Amino acid sequence: MPEGLRDPSRCGGRPRDPGPAYMVITCRLVYRWLDDKAAFVNRVRRLLVPGGTFWVVAEITGRRKSTDPLQSLGITPAEAEILTAGWSVTRTHDLDVLRCYALHP
């Protein structure tokens, strides 16, 4: 592992961005909880090699019954737009309350 990634204190407390290094990056049921979604997506885009895939599974708000206390758990259309903007290819598949995204730079 590159030195800066092993010891974050050597690069100002934050691991260095190694540049394009990954063929697949996954994010399952986490995207909804991120504070700065745009920064996260941009960093993932920088880390993918050409032809790579960012695979995201997220719950979509409003897909549960209105009486379900978890009904609002999920990402909004605006948050989905932040996730999908700027990719050359975006594919989705719906699974009940979840949506799977395959995003390619």
PDB file of N, CA and C in Angstrom:
ATOM      1  N   MET A   1       0.848  -1.172   0.000  1.00  0.00           N
ATOM      2  CA  MET A   1       0.000   0.000   0.000  1.00  0.00           C
ATOM      3  C   MET A   1       0.896   1.239   0.000  1.00  0.00           C
ATOM      4  N   PRO A   2       0.556   2.276  -0.813  1.00  0.00           N
ATOM      5  CA  PRO A   2       1.358   3.493  -0.812  1.00  0.00           C
ATOM      6  C   PRO A   2       1.455   4.109   0.576  1.00  0.00           C
ATOM      7  N   GLU A   3       2.590   4.695   0.873  1.00  0.00           N
ATOM      8  CA  GLU A   3       2.883   5.229   2.210  1.00  0.00           C
ATOM      9  C   GLU A   3       1.802   6.188   2.713  1.00  0.00           C
ATOM     10  N   GLY A   4       1.337   7.117   1.874  1.00  0.00           N
ATOM     11  CA  GLY A   4       0.350   8.100   2.305  1.00  0.00           C
ATOM     12  C   GLY A   4      -0.999   7.496   2.656  1.00  0.00           C
ATOM     13  N   LEU A   5      -1.323   6.362   2.042  1.00  0.00           N
ATOM     14  CA  LEU A   5      -2.591   5.714   2.361  1.00  0.00           C
ATOM     15  C   LEU A   5      -2.515   4.960   3.675  1.00  0.00           C
ATOM     16  N   ARG A   6      -1.341   4.445   3.995  1.00  0.00           N
ATOM     17  CA  ARG A   6      -1.176   3.688   5.234  1.00  0.00           C
ATOM     18  C   ARG A   6      -1.209   4.601   6.455  1.00  0.00           C
ATOM     19  N   ASP A   7      -0.630   5.779   6.348  1.00  0.00           N
ATOM     20  CA  ASP A   7      -0.508   6.677   7.490  1.00  0.00           C
ATOM     21  C   ASP A   7      -1.079   8.050   7.127  1.00  0.00           C
ATOM     22  N   PRO A   8      -2.391   8.282   7.399  1.00  0.00           N
ATOM     23  CA  PRO A   8      -3.022   9.545   7.025  1.00  0.00           C
ATOM     24  C   PRO A   8      -2.349  10.776   7.628  1.00  0.00           C
ATOM     25  N   SER A   9      -1.660  10.629   8.755  1.00  0.00           N
ATOM     26  CA  SER A   9      -1.031  11.787   9.374  1.00  0.00           C
ATOM     27  C   SER A   9       0.098  12.345   8.512  1.00  0.00           C
ATOM     28  N   ARG A  10       0.618  11.572   7.588  1.00  0.00           N
ATOM     29  CA  ARG A  10       1.712  12.031   6.725  1.00  0.00           C
ATOM     30  C   ARG A  10       1.225  12.917   5.589  1.00  0.00           C
ATOM     31  N   CYS A  11      -0.062  13.005   5.418  1.00  0.00           N
ATOM     32  CA  CYS A  11      -0.571  13.845   4.322  1.00  0.00           C
ATOM     33  C   CYS A  11      -1.673  14.766   4.839  1.00  0.00           C
ATOM     34  N   GLY A  12      -1.419  15.394   5.946  1.00  0.00           N
ATOM     35  CA  GLY A  12      -2.354  16.371   6.475  1.00  0.00           C
ATOM     36  C   GLY A  12      -3.565  15.767   7.148  1.00  0.00           C
ATOM     37  N   GLY A  13      -3.482  14.522   7.609  1.00  0.00           N
ATOM     38  CA  GLY A  13      -4.591  13.904   8.315  1.00  0.00           C
ATOM     39  C   GLY A  13      -5.588  13.209   7.417  1.00  0.00           C
ATOM     40  N   ARG A  14      -5.401  13.285   6.106  1.00  0.00           N
ATOM     41  CA  ARG A  14      -6.335  12.658   5.177  1.00  0.00           C
ATOM     42  C   ARG A  14      -5.543  11.831   4.172  1.00  0.00           C
ATOM     43  N   PRO A  15      -5.972  10.595   3.910  1.00  0.00           N
ATOM     44  CA  PRO A  15      -5.252   9.784   2.931  1.00  0.00           C
ATOM     45  C   PRO A  15      -5.216  10.464   1.566  1.00  0.00           C
ATOM     46  N   ARG A  16      -4.094  10.303   0.869  1.00  0.00           N
ATOM     47  CA  ARG A  16      -3.978  10.859  -0.476  1.00  0.00           C
ATOM     48  C   ARG A  16      -4.895  10.111  -1.429  1.00  0.00           C
ATOM     49  N   ASP A  17      -5.350  10.812  -2.432  1.00  0.00           N
ATOM     50  CA  ASP A  17      -6.140  10.218  -3.501  1.00  0.00           C
ATOM     51  C   ASP A  17      -5.165   9.552  -4.460  1.00  0.00           C
ATOM     52  N   PRO A  18      -5.204   8.206  -4.582  1.00  0.00           N
ATOM     53  CA  PRO A  18      -4.222   7.526  -5.415  1.00  0.00           C
ATOM     54  C   PRO A  18      -4.464   7.684  -6.906  1.00  0.00           C
ATOM     55  N   GLY A  19      -5.535   8.362  -7.309  1.00  0.00           N
ATOM     56  CA  GLY A  19      -5.856   8.466  -8.723  1.00  0.00           C
ATOM     57  C   GLY A  19      -6.586   7.218  -9.175  1.00  0.00           C
ATOM     58  N   PRO A  20      -6.838   7.090 -10.487  1.00  0.00           N
ATOM     59  CA  PRO A  20      -7.577   5.919 -10.971  1.00  0.00           C
ATOM     60  C   PRO A  20      -6.904   4.625 -10.541  1.00  0.00           C
ATOM     61  N   ALA A  21      -7.581   3.828  -9.748  1.00  0.00           N
ATOM     62  CA  ALA A  21      -6.961   2.626  -9.209  1.00  0.00           C
ATOM     63  C   ALA A  21      -7.919   1.444  -9.094  1.00  0.00           C
ATOM     64  N   TYR A  22      -9.226   1.649  -9.255  1.00  0.00           N
ATOM     65  CA  TYR A  22     -10.188   0.585  -8.972  1.00  0.00           C
ATOM     66  C   TYR A  22     -11.098   0.324 -10.167  1.00  0.00           C
ATOM     67  N   MET A  23     -11.343  -0.938 -10.439  1.00  0.00           N
ATOM     68  CA  MET A  23     -12.252  -1.348 -11.515  1.00  0.00           C
ATOM     69  C   MET A  23     -13.710  -1.277 -11.047  1.00  0.00           C
ATOM     70  N   VAL A  24     -13.945  -1.623  -9.769  1.00  0.00           N
ATOM     71  CA  VAL A  24     -15.299  -1.596  -9.206  1.00  0.00           C
ATOM     72  C   VAL A  24     -15.243  -0.984  -7.812  1.00  0.00           C
ATOM     73  N   ILE A  25     -16.164  -0.069  -7.552  1.00  0.00           N
ATOM     74  CA  ILE A  25     -16.354   0.489  -6.212  1.00  0.00           C
ATOM     75  C   ILE A  25     -17.830   0.299  -5.892  1.00  0.00           C
ATOM     76  N   THR A  26     -18.108  -0.221  -4.690  1.00  0.00           N
ATOM     77  CA  THR A  26     -19.498  -0.472  -4.304  1.00  0.00           C
ATOM     78  C   THR A  26     -19.901   0.413  -3.127  1.00  0.00           C
ATOM     79  N   CYS A  27     -21.188   0.694  -3.078  1.00  0.00           N
ATOM     80  CA  CYS A  27     -21.746   1.501  -2.004  1.00  0.00           C
ATOM     81  C   CYS A  27     -23.161   0.976  -1.755  1.00  0.00           C
ATOM     82  N   ARG A  28     -23.323   0.197  -0.713  1.00  0.00           N
ATOM     83  CA  ARG A  28     -24.607  -0.453  -0.454  1.00  0.00           C
ATOM     84  C   ARG A  28     -25.262   0.130   0.801  1.00  0.00           C
ATOM     85  N   LEU A  29     -26.392   0.813   0.590  1.00  0.00           N
ATOM     86  CA  LEU A  29     -27.213   1.374   1.666  1.00  0.00           C
ATOM     87  C   LEU A  29     -26.448   2.379   2.528  1.00  0.00           C
ATOM     88  N   VAL A  30     -25.502   3.074   1.926  1.00  0.00           N
ATOM     89  CA  VAL A  30     -24.693   4.066   2.638  1.00  0.00           C
ATOM     90  C   VAL A  30     -24.925   5.471   2.082  1.00  0.00           C
ATOM     91  N   TYR A  31     -25.149   5.587   0.792  1.00  0.00           N
ATOM     92  CA  TYR A  31     -25.224   6.888   0.123  1.00  0.00           C
ATOM     93  C   TYR A  31     -26.194   7.837   0.823  1.00  0.00           C
ATOM     94  N   ARG A  32     -27.311   7.350   1.286  1.00  0.00           N
ATOM     95  CA  ARG A  32     -28.328   8.185   1.934  1.00  0.00           C
ATOM     96  C   ARG A  32     -27.779   8.921   3.158  1.00  0.00           C
ATOM     97  N   TRP A  33     -26.798   8.343   3.825  1.00  0.00           N
ATOM     98  CA  TRP A  33     -26.288   8.891   5.081  1.00  0.00           C
ATOM     99  C   TRP A  33     -25.129   9.859   4.900  1.00  0.00           C
ATOM    100  N   LEU A  34     -24.613  10.017   3.704  1.00  0.00           N
ATOM    101  CA  LEU A  34     -23.456  10.887   3.473  1.00  0.00           C
ATOM    102  C   LEU A  34     -23.859  12.356   3.537  1.00  0.00           C
ATOM    103  N   ASP A  35     -23.044  13.157   4.210  1.00  0.00           N
ATOM    104  CA  ASP A  35     -23.326  14.598   4.306  1.00  0.00           C
ATOM    105  C   ASP A  35     -23.040  15.315   2.995  1.00  0.00           C
ATOM    106  N   ASP A  36     -21.900  15.059   2.387  1.00  0.00           N
ATOM    107  CA  ASP A  36     -21.519  15.738   1.150  1.00  0.00           C
ATOM    108  C   ASP A  36     -21.519  14.729   0.010  1.00  0.00           C
ATOM    109  N   LYS A  37     -22.710  14.472  -0.496  1.00  0.00           N
ATOM    110  CA  LYS A  37     -22.882  13.450  -1.524  1.00  0.00           C
ATOM    111  C   LYS A  37     -22.112  13.780  -2.799  1.00  0.00           C
ATOM    112  N   ALA A  38     -22.129  15.033  -3.215  1.00  0.00           N
ATOM    113  CA  ALA A  38     -21.442  15.418  -4.447  1.00  0.00           C
ATOM    114  C   ALA A  38     -19.938  15.193  -4.334  1.00  0.00           C
ATOM    115  N   ALA A  39     -19.339  15.549  -3.215  1.00  0.00           N
ATOM    116  CA  ALA A  39     -17.899  15.339  -3.025  1.00  0.00           C
ATOM    117  C   ALA A  39     -17.570  13.852  -3.040  1.00  0.00           C
ATOM    118  N   PHE A  40     -18.414  13.040  -2.414  1.00  0.00           N
ATOM    119  CA  PHE A  40     -18.199  11.596  -2.399  1.00  0.00           C
ATOM    120  C   PHE A  40     -18.238  11.026  -3.814  1.00  0.00           C
ATOM    121  N   VAL A  41     -19.266  11.389  -4.574  1.00  0.00           N
ATOM    122  CA  VAL A  41     -19.407  10.878  -5.940  1.00  0.00           C
ATOM    123  C   VAL A  41     -18.235  11.334  -6.802  1.00  0.00           C
ATOM    124  N   ASN A  42     -17.816  12.561  -6.653  1.00  0.00           N
ATOM    125  CA  ASN A  42     -16.675  13.057  -7.439  1.00  0.00           C
ATOM    126  C   ASN A  42     -15.396  12.314  -7.099  1.00  0.00           C
ATOM    127  N   ARG A  43     -15.200  11.999  -5.829  1.00  0.00           N
ATOM    128  CA  ARG A  43     -13.995  11.246  -5.443  1.00  0.00           C
ATOM    129  C   ARG A  43     -14.038   9.835  -6.016  1.00  0.00           C
ATOM    130  N   VAL A  44     -15.196   9.195  -5.942  1.00  0.00           N
ATOM    131  CA  VAL A  44     -15.327   7.853  -6.527  1.00  0.00           C
ATOM    132  C   VAL A  44     -15.015   7.903  -8.018  1.00  0.00           C
ATOM    133  N   ARG A  45     -15.536   8.897  -8.703  1.00  0.00           N
ATOM    134  CA  ARG A  45     -15.294   9.042 -10.149  1.00  0.00           C
ATOM    135  C   ARG A  45     -13.796   9.129 -10.439  1.00  0.00           C
ATOM    136  N   ARG A  46     -13.056   9.850  -9.600  1.00  0.00           N
ATOM    137  CA  ARG A  46     -11.593   9.974  -9.781  1.00  0.00           C
ATOM    138  C   ARG A  46     -10.863   8.667  -9.505  1.00  0.00           C
ATOM    139  N   LEU A  47     -11.430   7.822  -8.641  1.00  0.00           N
ATOM    140  CA  LEU A  47     -10.765   6.579  -8.264  1.00  0.00           C
ATOM    141  C   LEU A  47     -11.006   5.428  -9.234  1.00  0.00           C
ATOM    142  N   LEU A  48     -12.012   5.561 -10.096  1.00  0.00           N
ATOM    143  CA  LEU A  48     -12.309   4.486 -11.044  1.00  0.00           C
ATOM    144  C   LEU A  48     -11.389   4.546 -12.257  1.00  0.00           C
ATOM    145  N   VAL A  49     -10.920   3.385 -12.688  1.00  0.00           N
ATOM    146  CA  VAL A  49     -10.145   3.311 -13.928  1.00  0.00           C
ATOM    147  C   VAL A  49     -11.109   3.469 -15.100  1.00  0.00           C
ATOM    148  N   PRO A  50     -10.612   3.841 -16.283  1.00  0.00           N
ATOM    149  CA  PRO A  50     -11.495   3.887 -17.460  1.00  0.00           C
ATOM    150  C   PRO A  50     -12.182   2.530 -17.648  1.00  0.00           C
ATOM    151  N   GLY A  51     -13.475   2.561 -17.863  1.00  0.00           N
ATOM    152  CA  GLY A  51     -14.250   1.333 -18.001  1.00  0.00           C
ATOM    153  C   GLY A  51     -14.716   0.758 -16.678  1.00  0.00           C
ATOM    154  N   GLY A  52     -14.388   1.419 -15.572  1.00  0.00           N
ATOM    155  CA  GLY A  52     -14.779   0.939 -14.247  1.00  0.00           C
ATOM    156  C   GLY A  52     -16.257   1.147 -13.971  1.00  0.00           C
ATOM    157  N   THR A  53     -16.709   0.596 -12.852  1.00  0.00           N
ATOM    158  CA  THR A  53     -18.121   0.670 -12.472  1.00  0.00           C
ATOM    159  C   THR A  53     -18.253   1.104 -11.018  1.00  0.00           C
ATOM    160  N   PHE A  54     -19.140   2.050 -10.782  1.00  0.00           N
ATOM    161  CA  PHE A  54     -19.552   2.430  -9.439  1.00  0.00           C
ATOM    162  C   PHE A  54     -20.925   1.809  -9.242  1.00  0.00           C
ATOM    163  N   TRP A  55     -21.019   0.826  -8.342  1.00  0.00           N
ATOM    164  CA  TRP A  55     -22.251   0.079  -8.091  1.00  0.00           C
ATOM    165  C   TRP A  55     -22.858   0.580  -6.784  1.00  0.00           C
ATOM    166  N   VAL A  56     -24.072   1.119  -6.868  1.00  0.00           N
ATOM    167  CA  VAL A  56     -24.741   1.692  -5.699  1.00  0.00           C
ATOM    168  C   VAL A  56     -26.093   1.013  -5.514  1.00  0.00           C
ATOM    169  N   VAL A  57     -26.390   0.654  -4.274  1.00  0.00           N
ATOM    170  CA  VAL A  57     -27.719   0.153  -3.915  1.00  0.00           C
ATOM    171  C   VAL A  57     -28.260   1.121  -2.868  1.00  0.00           C
ATOM    172  N   ALA A  58     -29.415   1.702  -3.164  1.00  0.00           N
ATOM    173  CA  ALA A  58     -30.006   2.684  -2.255  1.00  0.00           C
ATOM    174  C   ALA A  58     -31.514   2.501  -2.200  1.00  0.00           C
ATOM    175  N   GLU A  59     -32.064   2.748  -1.023  1.00  0.00           N
ATOM    176  CA  GLU A  59     -33.516   2.755  -0.903  1.00  0.00           C
ATOM    177  C   GLU A  59     -34.027   4.078  -1.462  1.00  0.00           C
ATOM    178  N   ILE A  60     -35.178   4.016  -2.106  1.00  0.00           N
ATOM    179  CA  ILE A  60     -35.787   5.206  -2.694  1.00  0.00           C
ATOM    180  C   ILE A  60     -36.917   5.673  -1.777  1.00  0.00           C
ATOM    181  N   THR A  61     -36.887   6.935  -1.408  1.00  0.00           N
ATOM    182  CA  THR A  61     -37.911   7.512  -0.532  1.00  0.00           C
ATOM    183  C   THR A  61     -39.296   7.353  -1.147  1.00  0.00           C
ATOM    184  N   GLY A  62     -40.259   6.999  -0.293  1.00  0.00           N
ATOM    185  CA  GLY A  62     -41.644   6.937  -0.723  1.00  0.00           C
ATOM    186  C   GLY A  62     -42.093   5.596  -1.272  1.00  0.00           C
ATOM    187  N   ARG A  63     -41.232   4.607  -1.264  1.00  0.00           N
ATOM    188  CA  ARG A  63     -41.619   3.298  -1.820  1.00  0.00           C
ATOM    189  C   ARG A  63     -42.259   2.375  -0.786  1.00  0.00           C
ATOM    190  N   ARG A  64     -42.143   2.702   0.470  1.00  0.00           N
ATOM    191  CA  ARG A  64     -42.787   1.893   1.511  1.00  0.00           C
ATOM    192  C   ARG A  64     -44.229   2.370   1.687  1.00  0.00           C
ATOM    193  N   LYS A  65     -45.046   1.560   2.322  1.00  0.00           N
ATOM    194  CA  LYS A  65     -46.429   1.954   2.605  1.00  0.00           C
ATOM    195  C   LYS A  65     -46.434   3.209   3.460  1.00  0.00           C
ATOM    196  N   SER A  66     -47.445   4.044   3.276  1.00  0.00           N
ATOM    197  CA  SER A  66     -47.504   5.313   4.007  1.00  0.00           C
ATOM    198  C   SER A  66     -47.596   5.113   5.512  1.00  0.00           C
ATOM    199  N   THR A  67     -48.016   3.949   5.963  1.00  0.00           N
ATOM    200  CA  THR A  67     -48.111   3.671   7.396  1.00  0.00           C
ATOM    201  C   THR A  67     -46.803   3.144   7.986  1.00  0.00           C
ATOM    202  N   ASP A  68     -45.838   2.843   7.137  1.00  0.00           N
ATOM    203  CA  ASP A  68     -44.543   2.313   7.590  1.00  0.00           C
ATOM    204  C   ASP A  68     -43.733   3.447   8.215  1.00  0.00           C
ATOM    205  N   PRO A  69     -43.279   3.305   9.455  1.00  0.00           N
ATOM    206  CA  PRO A  69     -42.496   4.377  10.090  1.00  0.00           C
ATOM    207  C   PRO A  69     -41.164   4.648   9.378  1.00  0.00           C
ATOM    208  N   LEU A  70     -40.706   3.732   8.546  1.00  0.00           N
ATOM    209  CA  LEU A  70     -39.462   3.925   7.788  1.00  0.00           C
ATOM    210  C   LEU A  70     -39.730   4.443   6.379  1.00  0.00           C
ATOM    211  N   GLN A  71     -40.947   4.908   6.119  1.00  0.00           N
ATOM    212  CA  GLN A  71     -41.374   5.337   4.790  1.00  0.00           C
ATOM    213  C   GLN A  71     -40.460   6.393   4.179  1.00  0.00           C
ATOM    214  N   SER A  72     -39.927   7.283   4.976  1.00  0.00           N
ATOM    215  CA  SER A  72     -39.081   8.350   4.424  1.00  0.00           C
ATOM    216  C   SER A  72     -37.609   7.957   4.351  1.00  0.00           C
ATOM    217  N   LEU A  73     -37.298   6.740   4.750  1.00  0.00           N
ATOM    218  CA  LEU A  73     -35.917   6.273   4.699  1.00  0.00           C
ATOM    219  C   LEU A  73     -35.546   6.009   3.240  1.00  0.00           C
ATOM    220  N   GLY A  74     -34.548   6.678   2.768  1.00  0.00           N
ATOM    221  CA  GLY A  74     -34.136   6.490   1.382  1.00  0.00           C
ATOM    222  C   GLY A  74     -33.653   7.789   0.791  1.00  0.00           C
ATOM    223  N   ILE A  75     -33.291   7.738  -0.481  1.00  0.00           N
ATOM    224  CA  ILE A  75     -32.800   8.948  -1.135  1.00  0.00           C
ATOM    225  C   ILE A  75     -33.935   9.604  -1.914  1.00  0.00           C
ATOM    226  N   THR A  76     -33.875  10.911  -1.966  1.00  0.00           N
ATOM    227  CA  THR A  76     -34.871  11.711  -2.669  1.00  0.00           C
ATOM    228  C   THR A  76     -34.502  11.790  -4.152  1.00  0.00           C
ATOM    229  N   PRO A  77     -35.426  12.249  -5.000  1.00  0.00           N
ATOM    230  CA  PRO A  77     -35.081  12.456  -6.407  1.00  0.00           C
ATOM    231  C   PRO A  77     -33.892  13.411  -6.587  1.00  0.00           C
ATOM    232  N   ALA A  78     -33.793  14.436  -5.752  1.00  0.00           N
ATOM    233  CA  ALA A  78     -32.659  15.375  -5.852  1.00  0.00           C
ATOM    234  C   ALA A  78     -31.345  14.677  -5.519  1.00  0.00           C
ATOM    235  N   GLU A  79     -31.357  13.804  -4.504  1.00  0.00           N
ATOM    236  CA  GLU A  79     -30.146  13.066  -4.139  1.00  0.00           C
ATOM    237  C   GLU A  79     -29.782  12.039  -5.214  1.00  0.00           C
ATOM    238  N   ALA A  80     -30.788  11.456  -5.857  1.00  0.00           N
ATOM    239  CA  ALA A  80     -30.536  10.537  -6.968  1.00  0.00           C
ATOM    240  C   ALA A  80     -29.916  11.283  -8.142  1.00  0.00           C
ATOM    241  N   GLU A  81     -30.346  12.516  -8.359  1.00  0.00           N
ATOM    242  CA  GLU A  81     -29.774  13.332  -9.440  1.00  0.00           C
ATOM    243  C   GLU A  81     -28.304  13.633  -9.175  1.00  0.00           C
ATOM    244  N   ILE A  82     -27.950  13.950  -7.932  1.00  0.00           N
ATOM    245  CA  ILE A  82     -26.542  14.177  -7.574  1.00  0.00           C
ATOM    246  C   ILE A  82     -25.732  12.915  -7.856  1.00  0.00           C
ATOM    247  N   LEU A  83     -26.295  11.764  -7.521  1.00  0.00           N
ATOM    248  CA  LEU A  83     -25.614  10.488  -7.725  1.00  0.00           C
ATOM    249  C   LEU A  83     -25.382  10.188  -9.199  1.00  0.00           C
ATOM    250  N   THR A  84     -26.360  10.445 -10.042  1.00  0.00           N
ATOM    251  CA  THR A  84     -26.293  10.006 -11.438  1.00  0.00           C
ATOM    252  C   THR A  84     -25.759  11.048 -12.410  1.00  0.00           C
ATOM    253  N   ALA A  85     -25.632  12.294 -11.991  1.00  0.00           N
ATOM    254  CA  ALA A  85     -25.171  13.351 -12.904  1.00  0.00           C
ATOM    255  C   ALA A  85     -23.694  13.168 -13.264  1.00  0.00           C
ATOM    256  N   GLY A  86     -23.394  13.381 -14.521  1.00  0.00           N
ATOM    257  CA  GLY A  86     -22.007  13.414 -14.963  1.00  0.00           C
ATOM    258  C   GLY A  86     -21.384  12.078 -15.337  1.00  0.00           C
ATOM    259  N   TRP A  87     -22.154  10.992 -15.314  1.00  0.00           N
ATOM    260  CA  TRP A  87     -21.627   9.688 -15.719  1.00  0.00           C
ATOM    261  C   TRP A  87     -21.930   9.483 -17.195  1.00  0.00           C
ATOM    262  N   SER A  88     -21.041   8.800 -17.912  1.00  0.00           N
ATOM    263  CA  SER A  88     -21.289   8.575 -19.340  1.00  0.00           C
ATOM    264  C   SER A  88     -22.372   7.526 -19.557  1.00  0.00           C
ATOM    265  N   VAL A  89     -22.468   6.553 -18.649  1.00  0.00           N
ATOM    266  CA  VAL A  89     -23.498   5.515 -18.731  1.00  0.00           C
ATOM    267  C   VAL A  89     -24.096   5.329 -17.344  1.00  0.00           C
ATOM    268  N   THR A  90     -25.419   5.347 -17.277  1.00  0.00           N
ATOM    269  CA  THR A  90     -26.136   5.103 -16.025  1.00  0.00           C
ATOM    270  C   THR A  90     -27.195   4.049 -16.287  1.00  0.00           C
ATOM    271  N   ARG A  91     -27.107   2.952 -15.556  1.00  0.00           N
ATOM    272  CA  ARG A  91     -28.116   1.896 -15.660  1.00  0.00           C
ATOM    273  C   ARG A  91     -28.725   1.682 -14.281  1.00  0.00           C
ATOM    274  N   THR A  92     -30.035   1.441 -14.252  1.00  0.00           N
ATOM    275  CA  THR A  92     -30.699   1.200 -12.972  1.00  0.00           C
ATOM    276  C   THR A  92     -31.572  -0.043 -13.066  1.00  0.00           C
ATOM    277  N   HIS A  93     -31.801  -0.633 -11.908  1.00  0.00           N
ATOM    278  CA  HIS A  93     -32.719  -1.767 -11.797  1.00  0.00           C
ATOM    279  C   HIS A  93     -33.403  -1.642 -10.439  1.00  0.00           C
ATOM    280  N   ASP A  94     -34.725  -1.715 -10.449  1.00  0.00           N
ATOM    281  CA  ASP A  94     -35.489  -1.583  -9.212  1.00  0.00           C
ATOM    282  C   ASP A  94     -35.779  -2.946  -8.598  1.00  0.00           C
ATOM    283  N   LEU A  95     -35.598  -3.014  -7.280  1.00  0.00           N
ATOM    284  CA  LEU A  95     -35.883  -4.207  -6.486  1.00  0.00           C
ATOM    285  C   LEU A  95     -36.726  -3.783  -5.291  1.00  0.00           C
ATOM    286  N   ASP A  96     -38.035  -3.801  -5.446  1.00  0.00           N
ATOM    287  CA  ASP A  96     -38.949  -3.414  -4.381  1.00  0.00           C
ATOM    288  C   ASP A  96     -38.645  -1.983  -3.936  1.00  0.00           C
ATOM    289  N   VAL A  97     -38.189  -1.758  -2.704  1.00  0.00           N
ATOM    290  CA  VAL A  97     -37.916  -0.404  -2.224  1.00  0.00           C
ATOM    291  C   VAL A  97     -36.508   0.064  -2.601  1.00  0.00           C
ATOM    292  N   LEU A  98     -35.706  -0.829  -3.130  1.00  0.00           N
ATOM    293  CA  LEU A  98     -34.318  -0.499  -3.480  1.00  0.00           C
ATOM    294  C   LEU A  98     -34.171  -0.211  -4.960  1.00  0.00           C
ATOM    295  N   ARG A  99     -33.161   0.585  -5.279  1.00  0.00           N
ATOM    296  CA  ARG A  99     -32.752   0.792  -6.668  1.00  0.00           C
ATOM    297  C   ARG A  99     -31.255   0.537  -6.748  1.00  0.00           C
ATOM    298  N   CYS A 100     -30.874  -0.235  -7.743  1.00  0.00           N
ATOM    299  CA  CYS A 100     -29.456  -0.502  -8.004  1.00  0.00           C
ATOM    300  C   CYS A 100     -29.017   0.385  -9.154  1.00  0.00           C
ATOM    301  N   TYR A 101     -27.850   0.996  -8.984  1.00  0.00           N
ATOM    302  CA  TYR A 101     -27.275   1.865  -9.999  1.00  0.00           C
ATOM    303  C   TYR A 101     -25.936   1.284 -10.436  1.00  0.00           C
ATOM    304  N   ALA A 102     -25.734   1.195 -11.733  1.00  0.00           N
ATOM    305  CA  ALA A 102     -24.428   0.864 -12.296  1.00  0.00           C
ATOM    306  C   ALA A 102     -23.997   2.100 -13.072  1.00  0.00           C
ATOM    307  N   LEU A 103     -22.971   2.781 -12.574  1.00  0.00           N
ATOM    308  CA  LEU A 103     -22.516   4.052 -13.114  1.00  0.00           C
ATOM    309  C   LEU A 103     -21.123   3.899 -13.707  1.00  0.00           C
ATOM    310  N   HIS A 104     -20.943   4.408 -14.908  1.00  0.00           N
ATOM    311  CA  HIS A 104     -19.648   4.291 -15.591  1.00  0.00           C
ATOM    312  C   HIS A 104     -19.153   5.679 -15.995  1.00  0.00           C
ATOM    313  N   PRO A 105     -17.867   5.962 -15.727  1.00  0.00           N
ATOM    314  CA  PRO A 105     -17.328   7.288 -16.087  1.00  0.00           C
ATOM    315  C   PRO A 105     -17.267   7.485 -17.609  1.00  0.00           C
TER     316      PRO A 105
END
